[in-house]
């Protein structure tokens, strides 16, 4: 006998398979829906994050630009302050340079003043020593002169006659001198002998010429290789120290060469010419670079003339 499947059983199995397929499709649809929802939520989240990040970046950029602007203003202010400081520094440098220049000038003047003070102190010391030596010489001459006073008194009578003759000339000369009188001075020369009157300028030299006591030869002597002839002597300038106001010369007289070293202005430089009892004098009034200006004063009366006058006076006295 054959077994025939029941139609009912076959139909039940088919419906189960159909239900499984529907359940599988629904499950897949749900999964895809969940995935889509997840992707949608992720996209929205990413968009919101990007939008938030963009806003934050814009805020940060604005803040940074504001800070940059503030820093730029601060830098500009600092640059202006630096420019002002540089200008002030340049002004201060100029003031410092000017002050240093003034200090240099002041120091130079102080050094020059000290040098002049030292020079004056040395000259004063030398003058004191010379005066002391000259005082001793004068005292000795005074002692020698006392013994000759008695002899000279016999010559007074003859000299009085000559004095009477010249009184009128002296009176005229005094009147001429009254208009141009100056403070003429005497000094002790470098030989320790009392000098004649000293002229310190052109006016005083003209006054001395009017007195007629000596012959005067003016000179403007420069430093050259050959001596310059002036009256009975020759002069050659060897050195002119403007700073110390001293000079050195060689004088040639009576075939002799004499050096007069480190002499001062208006100092009587004395030497004896042959045939004269009183010294010839050189006086320098100005000292310049390689140049001196002054005059030579030569006695008018020679020793032979003085001796002849003394002899005539003695003869007159003896005859009386």
Protein backbone atom coordinates (compact mmCIF):
# COMPACT_ATOMS: atom_id res chain seq x y z
CA UNK A 1 0.00 0.00 0.00
CA UNK A 2 1.37 3.36 -0.74
CA UNK A 3 1.59 6.29 1.61
CA UNK A 4 0.45 9.59 0.26
CA UNK A 5 1.56 12.72 2.11
CA UNK A 6 -1.13 14.64 3.62
CA UNK A 7 -1.88 17.85 1.84
CA UNK A 8 -2.23 19.63 5.15
CA UNK A 9 1.27 18.86 6.26
CA UNK A 10 2.86 20.17 3.07
CA UNK A 11 0.93 23.40 3.30
CA UNK A 12 2.09 23.99 6.86
CA UNK A 13 5.73 23.69 5.93
CA UNK A 14 5.35 26.19 3.09
CA UNK A 15 3.82 28.80 5.31
CA UNK A 16 6.67 28.46 7.81
CA UNK A 17 9.24 29.10 5.13
CA UNK A 18 7.34 32.13 3.90
CA UNK A 19 7.22 33.51 7.46
CA UNK A 20 10.94 33.05 7.92
CA UNK A 21 11.66 34.97 4.74
CA UNK A 22 9.41 37.83 5.82
CA UNK A 23 11.05 37.95 9.21
CA UNK A 24 14.51 38.03 7.61
CA UNK A 25 13.52 40.91 5.33
CA UNK A 26 12.07 42.88 8.22
CA UNK A 27 15.26 42.34 10.22
CA UNK A 28 17.38 43.59 7.30
CA UNK A 29 15.14 46.62 6.87
CA UNK A 30 15.47 47.43 10.57
CA UNK A 31 19.26 47.13 10.43
CA UNK A 32 19.41 49.38 7.40
CA UNK A 33 17.17 51.85 9.13
CA UNK A 34 19.37 51.82 12.22
CA UNK A 35 22.50 52.29 10.07
CA UNK A 36 20.84 55.17 8.21
CA UNK A 37 19.80 56.76 11.48
CA UNK A 38 23.31 56.35 12.85
CA UNK A 39 24.82 57.89 9.70
CA UNK A 40 22.27 60.68 9.80
CA UNK A 41 23.00 61.41 13.43
CA UNK A 42 26.80 61.28 12.69
CA UNK A 43 26.41 63.67 9.78
CA UNK A 44 24.37 66.08 11.84
CA UNK A 45 26.88 65.85 14.70
CA UNK A 46 29.80 66.45 12.34
CA UNK A 47 28.00 69.42 10.78
CA UNK A 48 27.26 70.92 14.20
CA UNK A 49 30.87 70.32 15.31
CA UNK A 50 32.21 71.90 12.12
CA UNK A 51 29.90 74.89 12.58
CA UNK A 52 30.92 75.27 16.24
CA UNK A 53 34.61 74.92 15.36
CA UNK A 54 34.26 77.51 12.59
CA UNK A 55 32.66 79.98 15.02
CA UNK A 56 35.41 79.39 17.58
CA UNK A 57 38.08 79.87 14.91
CA UNK A 58 36.44 83.15 13.84
CA UNK A 59 36.31 84.32 17.46
CA UNK A 60 39.98 83.37 17.98
CA UNK A 61 40.95 85.12 14.71
CA UNK A 62 39.09 88.24 15.80
CA UNK A 63 40.75 88.14 19.20
CA UNK A 64 44.19 87.62 17.63
CA UNK A 65 43.62 90.50 15.17
CA UNK A 66 42.54 92.72 18.05
CA UNK A 67 45.67 91.76 20.00
CA UNK A 68 47.81 92.31 16.91
CA UNK A 69 46.28 95.76 16.46
CA UNK A 70 46.92 96.62 20.09
CA UNK A 71 50.50 95.34 19.86
CA UNK A 72 51.03 97.31 16.64
CA UNK A 73 49.91 100.49 18.42
CA UNK A 74 52.19 99.65 21.33
CA UNK A 75 55.12 99.02 18.95
CA UNK A 76 54.42 102.31 17.14
CA UNK A 77 54.40 104.14 20.48
CA UNK A 78 57.67 102.46 21.46
CA UNK A 79 59.21 103.42 18.11
CA UNK A 80 58.19 107.05 18.68
CA UNK A 81 59.72 106.91 22.18
CA UNK A 82 62.88 105.39 20.70
CA UNK A 83 63.03 108.20 18.09
CA UNK A 84 62.59 110.80 20.82
CA UNK A 85 65.27 109.06 22.92
CA UNK A 86 67.66 108.98 19.95
CA UNK A 87 67.12 112.71 19.38
CA UNK A 88 67.70 113.47 23.06
CA UNK A 89 70.79 111.23 23.04
CA UNK A 90 72.19 113.10 20.02
CA UNK A 91 71.53 116.41 21.80
CA UNK A 92 73.28 115.11 24.92
CA UNK A 93 76.26 113.98 22.82
CA UNK A 94 76.49 117.49 21.34
CA UNK A 95 76.31 119.03 24.81
CA UNK A 96 78.99 116.62 26.08
CA UNK A 97 81.25 117.48 23.13
CA UNK A 98 80.78 121.22 23.77
CA UNK A 99 81.48 120.74 27.48
CA UNK A 100 84.62 118.73 26.71
CA UNK A 101 85.78 121.48 24.34
CA UNK A 102 85.24 124.13 27.02
CA UNK A 103 87.06 121.95 29.55
CA UNK A 104 89.98 121.57 27.14
CA UNK A 105 90.18 125.35 26.67
CA UNK A 106 89.96 125.93 30.42
CA UNK A 107 92.69 123.38 31.08
CA UNK A 108 94.92 125.03 28.47
CA UNK A 109 94.38 128.43 30.09
CA UNK A 110 95.15 126.99 33.52
CA UNK A 111 98.36 125.40 32.25
CA UNK A 112 99.39 128.67 30.58
CA UNK A 113 98.58 130.63 33.74
CA UNK A 114 100.64 128.24 35.85
CA UNK A 115 103.55 128.50 33.44
CA UNK A 116 103.36 132.30 33.54
CA UNK A 117 103.23 132.22 37.35
CA UNK A 118 106.27 129.92 37.46
CA UNK A 119 108.11 132.22 35.05
CA UNK A 120 107.29 135.30 37.13
CA UNK A 121 108.45 133.50 40.28
CA UNK A 122 111.75 132.56 38.61
CA UNK A 123 112.25 136.09 37.30
CA UNK A 124 111.50 137.53 40.74
CA UNK A 125 114.01 135.16 42.32
CA UNK A 126 116.66 136.03 39.72
CA UNK A 127 115.96 139.75 40.19
CA UNK A 128 116.29 139.40 43.96
CA UNK A 129 119.61 137.60 43.60
CA UNK A 130 120.86 140.20 41.12
CA UNK A 131 119.74 143.06 43.34
CA UNK A 132 121.51 141.50 46.31
CA UNK A 133 124.72 141.15 44.31
CA UNK A 134 124.38 144.66 42.90
CA UNK A 135 123.77 146.07 46.36
CA UNK A 136 127.05 144.57 47.50
CA UNK A 137 128.80 146.07 44.46
CA UNK A 138 127.22 149.46 45.11
CA UNK A 139 128.32 149.38 48.73
CA UNK A 140 131.85 148.63 47.61
CA UNK A 141 131.72 151.37 45.00
CA UNK A 142 130.39 153.77 47.62
CA UNK A 143 133.33 152.97 49.88
CA UNK A 144 135.76 153.50 46.97
CA UNK A 145 134.02 156.73 46.04
CA UNK A 146 134.40 158.26 49.50
CA UNK A 147 138.17 158.37 49.07
CA UNK A 148 137.83 160.21 45.77
CA UNK A 149 135.40 162.85 47.01
CA UNK A 150 138.19 165.15 48.16
CA UNK A 151 139.91 165.01 44.76
CA UNK A 152 136.71 165.55 42.84
CA UNK A 153 135.79 168.61 44.90
CA UNK A 154 138.65 170.53 43.28
CA UNK A 155 137.05 169.98 39.88
CA UNK A 156 133.75 171.52 40.88
CA UNK A 157 134.85 175.09 40.14
CA UNK A 158 135.72 174.34 36.50
CA UNK A 159 132.60 172.28 36.01
CA UNK A 160 130.44 175.10 37.43
CA UNK A 161 131.47 177.35 34.55
CA UNK A 162 130.36 174.73 32.02
CA UNK A 163 127.15 174.24 33.97
CA UNK A 164 126.40 177.97 33.75
CA UNK A 165 126.84 177.87 29.97
CA UNK A 166 124.52 174.89 29.56
CA UNK A 167 121.80 176.04 31.96
CA UNK A 168 119.93 177.82 29.20
CA UNK A 169 120.10 174.69 27.00
CA UNK A 170 118.88 172.55 29.90
CA UNK A 171 115.99 174.96 30.52
CA UNK A 172 114.89 174.70 26.87
CA UNK A 173 115.25 170.91 26.97
CA UNK A 174 113.17 170.69 30.15
CA UNK A 175 110.43 172.71 28.51
CA UNK A 176 110.44 170.35 25.53
CA UNK A 177 110.39 167.33 27.79
CA UNK A 178 107.50 168.64 29.90
CA UNK A 179 105.02 168.00 27.09
CA UNK A 180 106.11 164.39 26.53
CA UNK A 181 107.43 163.35 29.97
CA UNK A 182 106.99 159.66 30.86
CA UNK A 183 107.98 157.43 33.75
CA UNK A 184 111.54 156.74 32.65
CA UNK A 185 113.36 154.30 34.92
CA UNK A 186 116.85 153.19 35.75
CA UNK A 187 117.88 149.60 36.36
CA UNK A 188 120.92 147.54 37.21
CA UNK A 189 122.42 146.00 34.08
CA UNK A 190 123.62 142.42 33.69
CA UNK A 191 127.16 143.56 34.62
CA UNK A 192 125.90 144.87 37.96
CA UNK A 193 126.34 148.53 36.95
CA UNK A 194 123.66 151.17 37.36
CA UNK A 195 122.26 151.81 33.88
CA UNK A 196 121.14 155.02 32.25
CA UNK A 197 117.47 155.77 31.74
CA UNK A 198 115.58 152.90 30.08
CA UNK A 199 113.09 153.46 27.25
CA UNK A 200 110.29 150.91 27.00
CA UNK A 201 108.67 152.26 23.83
CA UNK A 202 109.13 154.65 20.91
CA UNK A 203 107.88 157.71 22.82
CA UNK A 204 110.29 157.20 25.73
CA UNK A 205 113.17 156.63 23.29
CA UNK A 206 112.41 159.95 21.59
CA UNK A 207 112.44 161.57 25.02
CA UNK A 208 115.87 160.10 25.75
CA UNK A 209 117.19 161.46 22.45
CA UNK A 210 116.08 164.96 23.50
CA UNK A 211 118.15 164.62 26.66
CA UNK A 212 121.25 164.16 24.50
CA UNK A 213 123.10 161.97 27.00
CA UNK A 214 123.78 159.09 24.59
CA UNK A 215 123.64 158.12 20.94
CA UNK A 216 120.78 155.71 20.21
CA UNK A 217 120.61 153.13 17.40
CA UNK A 218 117.24 151.37 16.92
CA UNK A 219 117.11 147.84 15.50
CA UNK A 220 114.63 145.23 14.32
CA UNK A 221 116.87 142.18 14.45
CA UNK A 222 115.89 138.89 12.82
CA UNK A 223 117.49 135.47 13.09
CA UNK A 224 119.91 135.27 10.12
CA UNK A 225 123.33 133.74 9.48
CA UNK A 226 125.27 137.02 9.46
CA UNK A 227 125.51 139.71 12.18
CA UNK A 228 123.89 143.11 11.57
CA UNK A 229 125.99 146.24 11.99
CA UNK A 230 124.48 148.83 14.33
CA UNK A 231 126.65 151.83 15.16
CA UNK A 232 129.95 150.66 16.69
CA UNK A 233 128.83 147.04 17.23
CA UNK A 234 127.48 144.05 15.35
CA UNK A 235 124.52 141.98 16.60
CA UNK A 236 123.39 138.47 15.65
CA UNK A 237 120.20 136.92 17.07
CA UNK A 238 120.76 133.31 18.17
CA UNK A 239 117.45 132.48 19.90
CA UNK A 240 114.13 134.20 20.68
CA UNK A 241 111.93 132.37 23.22
CA UNK A 242 108.47 133.95 22.93
CA UNK A 243 106.95 131.76 25.64
CA UNK A 244 109.55 132.65 28.29
CA UNK A 245 110.18 136.14 26.85
CA UNK A 246 113.94 135.58 26.74
CA UNK A 247 116.52 135.95 24.00
CA UNK A 248 120.18 135.14 23.28
CA UNK A 249 122.46 137.25 21.06
CA UNK A 250 126.09 137.44 19.98
CA UNK A 251 127.59 140.94 19.95
CA UNK A 252 130.76 141.80 18.07
CA UNK A 253 132.70 144.79 19.36
CA UNK A 254 136.43 145.68 19.24
CA UNK A 255 137.18 142.38 17.43
CA UNK A 256 135.54 140.41 20.24
CA UNK A 257 132.46 138.16 20.11
CA UNK A 258 130.44 138.06 23.34
CA UNK A 259 127.39 135.89 23.97
CA UNK A 260 124.57 137.37 26.02
CA UNK A 261 122.35 134.44 26.96
CA UNK A 262 118.73 134.26 28.23
CA UNK A 263 118.15 138.01 28.63
CA UNK A 264 114.76 139.54 29.44
CA UNK A 265 112.80 142.36 27.84
CA UNK A 266 113.72 145.88 29.06
CA UNK A 267 116.82 144.46 30.79
CA UNK A 268 119.96 146.60 30.24
CA UNK A 269 122.52 144.30 28.59
CA UNK A 270 125.87 145.99 29.23
CA UNK A 271 129.36 145.76 27.71
CA UNK A 272 132.37 148.07 27.53
CA UNK A 273 133.66 149.51 24.28
CA UNK A 274 137.31 150.40 24.05
CA UNK A 275 137.93 154.02 25.10
CA UNK A 276 134.74 154.38 27.23
CA UNK A 277 134.49 154.43 31.02
CA UNK A 278 130.76 153.70 31.18
CA UNK A 279 129.16 150.69 29.49
CA UNK A 280 127.25 150.62 26.25
CA UNK A 281 123.76 149.19 26.75
CA UNK A 282 121.40 147.07 24.65
CA UNK A 283 117.69 147.16 25.55
CA UNK A 284 115.16 144.83 23.86
CA UNK A 285 111.53 145.98 24.11
CA UNK A 286 109.80 143.25 22.09
CA UNK A 287 110.45 139.53 21.58
CA UNK A 288 108.70 137.69 18.74
CA UNK A 289 109.35 134.47 16.85
CA UNK A 290 112.93 134.68 15.47
CA UNK A 291 112.85 138.47 15.97
CA UNK A 292 113.69 141.12 18.59
CA UNK A 293 113.10 144.90 18.55
CA UNK A 294 115.00 147.42 20.65
CA UNK A 295 117.89 149.89 20.65
CA UNK A 296 121.59 150.38 21.51
CA UNK A 297 122.62 153.28 23.77
CA UNK A 298 126.26 154.37 23.25
CA UNK A 299 127.95 156.93 25.56
CA UNK A 300 128.85 160.21 23.86
CA UNK A 301 131.94 161.02 25.96
CA UNK A 302 135.08 158.89 25.61
CA UNK A 303 137.57 158.27 28.41
CA UNK A 304 140.23 160.46 26.72
CA UNK A 305 137.86 163.42 26.66
CA UNK A 306 137.04 162.95 30.34
CA UNK A 307 140.75 162.78 31.20
CA UNK A 308 141.45 166.00 29.23
CA UNK A 309 138.64 167.82 31.04
CA UNK A 310 139.90 166.58 34.39
CA UNK A 311 143.43 167.73 33.53
CA UNK A 312 142.23 171.18 32.53
CA UNK A 313 140.24 171.46 35.76
CA UNK A 314 143.26 170.41 37.81
CA UNK A 315 145.45 172.96 36.03
CA UNK A 316 142.95 175.70 36.65
CA UNK A 317 142.77 174.78 40.31
CA UNK A 318 146.58 174.75 40.64
CA UNK A 319 146.94 178.16 39.02
CA UNK A 320 144.43 179.61 41.42
